[in-house]
Amino acid sequence: VPKLFVNNASGRIGLVGYWDCVAFDEFAG
């Protein structure tokens, strides 16, 4: 959650705030 959306401790926004597309590889399993 902190890496993808927001780190509550630092307040820093995650990947969705900086990238146009976030892709999850090897998502199945």
PDB file of all heavy atoms in Angstrom:
ATOM      1  N   VAL A   1       0.830  -1.210   0.000  1.00  0.00           N
ATOM      2  CA  VAL A   1       0.000   0.000   0.000  1.00  0.00           C
ATOM      3  C   VAL A   1       0.863   1.258   0.000  1.00  0.00           C
ATOM      4  O   VAL A   1       0.624   2.181  -0.800  1.00  0.00           O
ATOM      5  CB  VAL A   1      -0.975  -0.013   1.197  1.00  0.00           C
ATOM      6  CG1 VAL A   1      -1.693   1.329   1.305  1.00  0.00           C
ATOM      7  CG2 VAL A   1      -1.982  -1.146   1.047  1.00  0.00           C
ATOM      8  N   PRO A   2       1.886   1.382   0.887  1.00  0.00           N
ATOM      9  CA  PRO A   2       2.720   2.599   0.847  1.00  0.00           C
ATOM     10  C   PRO A   2       3.418   2.795  -0.488  1.00  0.00           C
ATOM     11  O   PRO A   2       3.529   3.923  -0.972  1.00  0.00           O
ATOM     12  CB  PRO A   2       3.733   2.370   1.971  1.00  0.00           C
ATOM     13  CG  PRO A   2       3.063   1.405   2.895  1.00  0.00           C
ATOM     14  CD  PRO A   2       2.260   0.504   2.008  1.00  0.00           C
ATOM     15  N   LYS A   3       3.895   1.696  -1.105  1.00  0.00           N
ATOM     16  CA  LYS A   3       4.613   1.846  -2.362  1.00  0.00           C
ATOM     17  C   LYS A   3       3.679   2.225  -3.497  1.00  0.00           C
ATOM     18  O   LYS A   3       4.033   3.028  -4.368  1.00  0.00           O
ATOM     19  CB  LYS A   3       5.342   0.544  -2.702  1.00  0.00           C
ATOM     20  CG  LYS A   3       6.148   0.609  -3.996  1.00  0.00           C
ATOM     21  CD  LYS A   3       6.899  -0.695  -4.245  1.00  0.00           C
ATOM     22  CE  LYS A   3       7.709  -0.622  -5.532  1.00  0.00           C
ATOM     23  NZ  LYS A   3       8.449  -1.888  -5.801  1.00  0.00           N
ATOM     24  N   LEU A   4       2.477   1.676  -3.497  1.00  0.00           N
ATOM     25  CA  LEU A   4       1.568   1.904  -4.617  1.00  0.00           C
ATOM     26  C   LEU A   4       0.739   3.167  -4.448  1.00  0.00           C
ATOM     27  O   LEU A   4       0.507   3.903  -5.411  1.00  0.00           O
ATOM     28  CB  LEU A   4       0.642   0.694  -4.775  1.00  0.00           C
ATOM     29  CG  LEU A   4      -0.270   0.692  -6.004  1.00  0.00           C
ATOM     30  CD1 LEU A   4       0.536   0.747  -7.289  1.00  0.00           C
ATOM     31  CD2 LEU A   4      -1.167  -0.545  -6.002  1.00  0.00           C
ATOM     32  N   PHE A   5       0.290   3.450  -3.220  1.00  0.00           N
ATOM     33  CA  PHE A   5      -0.633   4.568  -3.020  1.00  0.00           C
ATOM     34  C   PHE A   5      -0.031   5.693  -2.177  1.00  0.00           C
ATOM     35  O   PHE A   5       0.243   6.768  -2.696  1.00  0.00           O
ATOM     36  CB  PHE A   5      -1.938   4.055  -2.403  1.00  0.00           C
ATOM     37  CG  PHE A   5      -2.727   3.197  -3.336  1.00  0.00           C
ATOM     38  CD1 PHE A   5      -2.761   1.812  -3.190  1.00  0.00           C
ATOM     39  CD2 PHE A   5      -3.414   3.750  -4.406  1.00  0.00           C
ATOM     40  CE1 PHE A   5      -3.473   1.018  -4.074  1.00  0.00           C
ATOM     41  CE2 PHE A   5      -4.133   2.967  -5.297  1.00  0.00           C
ATOM     42  CZ  PHE A   5      -4.152   1.594  -5.126  1.00  0.00           C
ATOM     43  N   VAL A   6       0.173   5.481  -0.901  1.00  0.00           N
ATOM     44  CA  VAL A   6       0.696   6.560  -0.068  1.00  0.00           C
ATOM     45  C   VAL A   6       1.330   5.982   1.184  1.00  0.00           C
ATOM     46  O   VAL A   6       0.881   4.969   1.729  1.00  0.00           O
ATOM     47  CB  VAL A   6      -0.424   7.559   0.312  1.00  0.00           C
ATOM     48  CG1 VAL A   6      -1.433   6.936   1.260  1.00  0.00           C
ATOM     49  CG2 VAL A   6       0.140   8.841   0.887  1.00  0.00           C
ATOM     50  N   ASN A   7       2.411   6.620   1.605  1.00  0.00           N
ATOM     51  CA  ASN A   7       3.080   6.247   2.853  1.00  0.00           C
ATOM     52  C   ASN A   7       2.567   7.165   3.949  1.00  0.00           C
ATOM     53  O   ASN A   7       2.873   8.364   3.963  1.00  0.00           O
ATOM     54  CB  ASN A   7       4.597   6.373   2.690  1.00  0.00           C
ATOM     55  CG  ASN A   7       5.355   5.823   3.877  1.00  0.00           C
ATOM     56  OD1 ASN A   7       4.947   6.001   5.021  1.00  0.00           O
ATOM     57  ND2 ASN A   7       6.469   5.171   3.598  1.00  0.00           N
ATOM     58  N   ASN A   8       1.770   6.621   4.854  1.00  0.00           N
ATOM     59  CA  ASN A   8       1.167   7.454   5.892  1.00  0.00           C
ATOM     60  C   ASN A   8       2.213   8.071   6.812  1.00  0.00           C
ATOM     61  O   ASN A   8       2.000   9.146   7.378  1.00  0.00           O
ATOM     62  CB  ASN A   8       0.171   6.639   6.720  1.00  0.00           C
ATOM     63  CG  ASN A   8      -1.147   6.446   5.994  1.00  0.00           C
ATOM     64  OD1 ASN A   8      -1.482   7.215   5.098  1.00  0.00           O
ATOM     65  ND2 ASN A   8      -1.885   5.415   6.356  1.00  0.00           N
ATOM     66  N   ALA A   9       3.352   7.389   6.976  1.00  0.00           N
ATOM     67  CA  ALA A   9       4.380   7.909   7.883  1.00  0.00           C
ATOM     68  C   ALA A   9       5.044   9.157   7.316  1.00  0.00           C
ATOM     69  O   ALA A   9       5.253  10.150   8.019  1.00  0.00           O
ATOM     70  CB  ALA A   9       5.419   6.826   8.154  1.00  0.00           C
ATOM     71  N   SER A  10       5.380   9.106   6.019  1.00  0.00           N
ATOM     72  CA  SER A  10       6.075  10.246   5.412  1.00  0.00           C
ATOM     73  C   SER A  10       5.146  11.171   4.651  1.00  0.00           C
ATOM     74  O   SER A  10       5.508  12.302   4.328  1.00  0.00           O
ATOM     75  CB  SER A  10       7.162   9.739   4.453  1.00  0.00           C
ATOM     76  OG  SER A  10       6.570   9.040   3.373  1.00  0.00           O
ATOM     77  N   GLY A  11       3.929  10.682   4.314  1.00  0.00           N
ATOM     78  CA  GLY A  11       3.006  11.480   3.517  1.00  0.00           C
ATOM     79  C   GLY A  11       3.331  11.472   2.043  1.00  0.00           C
ATOM     80  O   GLY A  11       2.689  12.168   1.251  1.00  0.00           O
ATOM     81  N   ARG A  12       4.315  10.646   1.626  1.00  0.00           N
ATOM     82  CA  ARG A  12       4.750  10.629   0.233  1.00  0.00           C
ATOM     83  C   ARG A  12       3.800   9.764  -0.588  1.00  0.00           C
ATOM     84  O   ARG A  12       3.498   8.629  -0.229  1.00  0.00           O
ATOM     85  CB  ARG A  12       6.170  10.089   0.139  1.00  0.00           C
ATOM     86  CG  ARG A  12       6.770  10.159  -1.257  1.00  0.00           C
ATOM     87  CD  ARG A  12       8.162   9.589  -1.251  1.00  0.00           C
ATOM     88  NE  ARG A  12       8.996  10.269  -0.272  1.00  0.00           N
ATOM     89  CZ  ARG A  12      10.089   9.726   0.271  1.00  0.00           C
ATOM     90  NH1 ARG A  12      10.444   8.498  -0.051  1.00  0.00           N
ATOM     91  NH2 ARG A  12      10.801  10.415   1.142  1.00  0.00           N
ATOM     92  N   ILE A  13       3.343  10.300  -1.716  1.00  0.00           N
ATOM     93  CA  ILE A  13       2.437   9.558  -2.588  1.00  0.00           C
ATOM     94  C   ILE A  13       3.207   8.459  -3.303  1.00  0.00           C
ATOM     95  O   ILE A  13       4.413   8.578  -3.548  1.00  0.00           O
ATOM     96  CB  ILE A  13       1.754  10.505  -3.593  1.00  0.00           C
ATOM     97  CG1 ILE A  13       0.530   9.834  -4.230  1.00  0.00           C
ATOM     98  CG2 ILE A  13       2.734  10.945  -4.664  1.00  0.00           C
ATOM     99  CD1 ILE A  13      -0.353  10.787  -5.008  1.00  0.00           C
ATOM    100  N   GLY A  14       2.514   7.376  -3.642  1.00  0.00           N
ATOM    101  CA  GLY A  14       3.157   6.225  -4.253  1.00  0.00           C
ATOM    102  C   GLY A  14       3.176   6.263  -5.762  1.00  0.00           C
ATOM    103  O   GLY A  14       3.030   7.321  -6.398  1.00  0.00           O
ATOM    104  N   LEU A  15       3.323   5.085  -6.370  1.00  0.00           N
ATOM    105  CA  LEU A  15       3.531   4.981  -7.810  1.00  0.00           C
ATOM    106  C   LEU A  15       2.389   5.568  -8.625  1.00  0.00           C
ATOM    107  O   LEU A  15       2.616   6.152  -9.688  1.00  0.00           O
ATOM    108  CB  LEU A  15       3.720   3.508  -8.189  1.00  0.00           C
ATOM    109  CG  LEU A  15       4.931   2.797  -7.570  1.00  0.00           C
ATOM    110  CD1 LEU A  15       4.894   1.318  -7.928  1.00  0.00           C
ATOM    111  CD2 LEU A  15       6.228   3.425  -8.042  1.00  0.00           C
ATOM    112  N   VAL A  16       1.146   5.423  -8.147  1.00  0.00           N
ATOM    113  CA  VAL A  16       0.010   5.899  -8.938  1.00  0.00           C
ATOM    114  C   VAL A  16       0.023   7.412  -9.102  1.00  0.00           C
ATOM    115  O   VAL A  16      -0.658   7.948  -9.988  1.00  0.00           O
ATOM    116  CB  VAL A  16      -1.331   5.451  -8.321  1.00  0.00           C
ATOM    117  CG1 VAL A  16      -1.460   3.940  -8.329  1.00  0.00           C
ATOM    118  CG2 VAL A  16      -1.505   6.008  -6.916  1.00  0.00           C
ATOM    119  N   GLY A  17       0.776   8.101  -8.278  1.00  0.00           N
ATOM    120  CA  GLY A  17       0.832   9.557  -8.384  1.00  0.00           C
ATOM    121  C   GLY A  17       1.848  10.062  -9.377  1.00  0.00           C
ATOM    122  O   GLY A  17       1.837  11.244  -9.721  1.00  0.00           O
ATOM    123  N   TYR A  18       2.729   9.165  -9.865  1.00  0.00           N
ATOM    124  CA  TYR A  18       3.825   9.621 -10.718  1.00  0.00           C
ATOM    125  C   TYR A  18       3.859   8.960 -12.089  1.00  0.00           C
ATOM    126  O   TYR A  18       4.487   9.481 -13.009  1.00  0.00           O
ATOM    127  CB  TYR A  18       5.171   9.363 -10.018  1.00  0.00           C
ATOM    128  CG  TYR A  18       5.361  10.179  -8.767  1.00  0.00           C
ATOM    129  CD1 TYR A  18       5.051   9.655  -7.522  1.00  0.00           C
ATOM    130  CD2 TYR A  18       5.824  11.483  -8.824  1.00  0.00           C
ATOM    131  CE1 TYR A  18       5.222  10.395  -6.364  1.00  0.00           C
ATOM    132  CE2 TYR A  18       5.994  12.239  -7.679  1.00  0.00           C
ATOM    133  CZ  TYR A  18       5.693  11.688  -6.453  1.00  0.00           C
ATOM    134  OH  TYR A  18       5.861  12.437  -5.305  1.00  0.00           O
ATOM    135  N   TRP A  19       3.208   7.817 -12.226  1.00  0.00           N
ATOM    136  CA  TRP A  19       3.299   7.072 -13.480  1.00  0.00           C
ATOM    137  C   TRP A  19       1.955   7.063 -14.193  1.00  0.00           C
ATOM    138  O   TRP A  19       0.910   7.031 -13.562  1.00  0.00           O
ATOM    139  CB  TRP A  19       3.772   5.638 -13.219  1.00  0.00           C
ATOM    140  CG  TRP A  19       5.133   5.593 -12.606  1.00  0.00           C
ATOM    141  CD1 TRP A  19       5.436   5.565 -11.277  1.00  0.00           C
ATOM    142  CD2 TRP A  19       6.380   5.626 -13.298  1.00  0.00           C
ATOM    143  NE1 TRP A  19       6.792   5.562 -11.095  1.00  0.00           N
ATOM    144  CE2 TRP A  19       7.405   5.600 -12.324  1.00  0.00           C
ATOM    145  CE3 TRP A  19       6.737   5.664 -14.646  1.00  0.00           C
ATOM    146  CZ2 TRP A  19       8.753   5.612 -12.659  1.00  0.00           C
ATOM    147  CZ3 TRP A  19       8.085   5.671 -14.975  1.00  0.00           C
ATOM    148  CH2 TRP A  19       9.076   5.647 -13.992  1.00  0.00           C
ATOM    149  N   ASP A  20       2.009   7.084 -15.510  1.00  0.00           N
ATOM    150  CA  ASP A  20       0.772   7.011 -16.300  1.00  0.00           C
ATOM    151  C   ASP A  20       0.179   5.609 -16.270  1.00  0.00           C
ATOM    152  O   ASP A  20      -1.035   5.437 -16.389  1.00  0.00           O
ATOM    153  CB  ASP A  20       1.051   7.397 -17.761  1.00  0.00           C
ATOM    154  CG  ASP A  20       1.419   8.857 -17.906  1.00  0.00           C
ATOM    155  OD1 ASP A  20       1.252   9.603 -16.921  1.00  0.00           O
ATOM    156  OD2 ASP A  20       1.886   9.249 -18.989  1.00  0.00           O
ATOM    157  N   CYS A  21       1.033   4.620 -16.151  1.00  0.00           N
ATOM    158  CA  CYS A  21       0.573   3.230 -16.183  1.00  0.00           C
ATOM    159  C   CYS A  21       1.386   2.413 -15.181  1.00  0.00           C
ATOM    160  O   CYS A  21       2.617   2.449 -15.198  1.00  0.00           O
ATOM    161  CB  CYS A  21       0.730   2.652 -17.597  1.00  0.00           C
ATOM    162  SG  CYS A  21       0.403   0.885 -17.712  1.00  0.00           S
ATOM    163  N   VAL A  22       0.694   1.710 -14.314  1.00  0.00           N
ATOM    164  CA  VAL A  22       1.339   0.786 -13.378  1.00  0.00           C
ATOM    165  C   VAL A  22       0.874  -0.620 -13.739  1.00  0.00           C
ATOM    166  O   VAL A  22      -0.320  -0.917 -13.668  1.00  0.00           O
ATOM    167  CB  VAL A  22       0.984   1.108 -11.916  1.00  0.00           C
ATOM    168  CG1 VAL A  22       1.632   0.095 -10.978  1.00  0.00           C
ATOM    169  CG2 VAL A  22       1.422   2.520 -11.550  1.00  0.00           C
ATOM    170  N   ALA A  23       1.809  -1.464 -14.173  1.00  0.00           N
ATOM    171  CA  ALA A  23       1.478  -2.815 -14.616  1.00  0.00           C
ATOM    172  C   ALA A  23       2.012  -3.839 -13.627  1.00  0.00           C
ATOM    173  O   ALA A  23       3.141  -3.721 -13.140  1.00  0.00           O
ATOM    174  CB  ALA A  23       2.058  -3.075 -16.008  1.00  0.00           C
ATOM    175  N   PHE A  24       1.195  -4.831 -13.339  1.00  0.00           N
ATOM    176  CA  PHE A  24       1.562  -5.902 -12.424  1.00  0.00           C
ATOM    177  C   PHE A  24       1.905  -7.132 -13.242  1.00  0.00           C
ATOM    178  O   PHE A  24       1.024  -7.741 -13.859  1.00  0.00           O
ATOM    179  CB  PHE A  24       0.402  -6.208 -11.473  1.00  0.00           C
ATOM    180  CG  PHE A  24       0.046  -5.079 -10.555  1.00  0.00           C
ATOM    181  CD1 PHE A  24      -0.733  -4.026 -11.001  1.00  0.00           C
ATOM    182  CD2 PHE A  24       0.494  -5.062  -9.248  1.00  0.00           C
ATOM    183  CE1 PHE A  24      -1.060  -2.978 -10.174  1.00  0.00           C
ATOM    184  CE2 PHE A  24       0.170  -4.019  -8.404  1.00  0.00           C
ATOM    185  CZ  PHE A  24      -0.603  -2.968  -8.858  1.00  0.00           C
ATOM    186  N   ASP A  25       3.182  -7.499 -13.248  1.00  0.00           N
ATOM    187  CA  ASP A  25       3.616  -8.672 -13.986  1.00  0.00           C
ATOM    188  C   ASP A  25       3.438  -9.912 -13.113  1.00  0.00           C
ATOM    189  O   ASP A  25       3.429  -9.827 -11.881  1.00  0.00           O
ATOM    190  CB  ASP A  25       5.086  -8.525 -14.382  1.00  0.00           C
ATOM    191  CG  ASP A  25       5.502  -9.522 -15.439  1.00  0.00           C
ATOM    192  OD1 ASP A  25       4.617 -10.163 -16.035  1.00  0.00           O
ATOM    193  OD2 ASP A  25       6.718  -9.661 -15.670  1.00  0.00           O
ATOM    194  N   GLU A  26       3.292 -11.063 -13.772  1.00  0.00           N
ATOM    195  CA  GLU A  26       3.120 -12.337 -13.061  1.00  0.00           C
ATOM    196  C   GLU A  26       2.023 -12.212 -12.011  1.00  0.00           C
ATOM    197  O   GLU A  26       2.158 -12.669 -10.877  1.00  0.00           O
ATOM    198  CB  GLU A  26       4.441 -12.763 -12.418  1.00  0.00           C
ATOM    199  CG  GLU A  26       5.550 -12.974 -13.435  1.00  0.00           C
ATOM    200  CD  GLU A  26       6.883 -13.298 -12.790  1.00  0.00           C
ATOM    201  OE1 GLU A  26       6.937 -13.338 -11.549  1.00  0.00           O
ATOM    202  OE2 GLU A  26       7.855 -13.489 -13.523  1.00  0.00           O
ATOM    203  N   PHE A  27       0.937 -11.597 -12.417  1.00  0.00           N
ATOM    204  CA  PHE A  27      -0.154 -11.328 -11.482  1.00  0.00           C
ATOM    205  C   PHE A  27      -0.937 -12.588 -11.147  1.00  0.00           C
ATOM    206  O   PHE A  27      -1.514 -12.704 -10.069  1.00  0.00           O
ATOM    207  CB  PHE A  27      -1.098 -10.287 -12.111  1.00  0.00           C
ATOM    208  CG  PHE A  27      -2.181  -9.805 -11.192  1.00  0.00           C
ATOM    209  CD1 PHE A  27      -1.877  -9.013 -10.098  1.00  0.00           C
ATOM    210  CD2 PHE A  27      -3.500 -10.145 -11.430  1.00  0.00           C
ATOM    211  CE1 PHE A  27      -2.880  -8.558  -9.256  1.00  0.00           C
ATOM    212  CE2 PHE A  27      -4.507  -9.693 -10.591  1.00  0.00           C
ATOM    213  CZ  PHE A  27      -4.197  -8.898  -9.496  1.00  0.00           C
ATOM    214  N   ALA A  28      -0.971 -13.536 -12.086  1.00  0.00           N
ATOM    215  CA  ALA A  28      -1.745 -14.755 -11.865  1.00  0.00           C
ATOM    216  C   ALA A  28      -1.001 -15.705 -10.939  1.00  0.00           C
ATOM    217  O   ALA A  28       0.211 -15.607 -10.739  1.00  0.00           O
ATOM    218  CB  ALA A  28      -2.048 -15.433 -13.195  1.00  0.00           C
ATOM    219  N   GLY A  29      -1.753 -16.648 -10.380  1.00  0.00           N
ATOM    220  CA  GLY A  29      -1.197 -17.646  -9.475  1.00  0.00           C
ATOM    221  C   GLY A  29      -2.133 -17.870  -8.306  1.00  0.00           C
ATOM    222  O   GLY A  29      -2.215 -17.025  -7.410  1.00  0.00           O
TER     223      GLY A  29
END
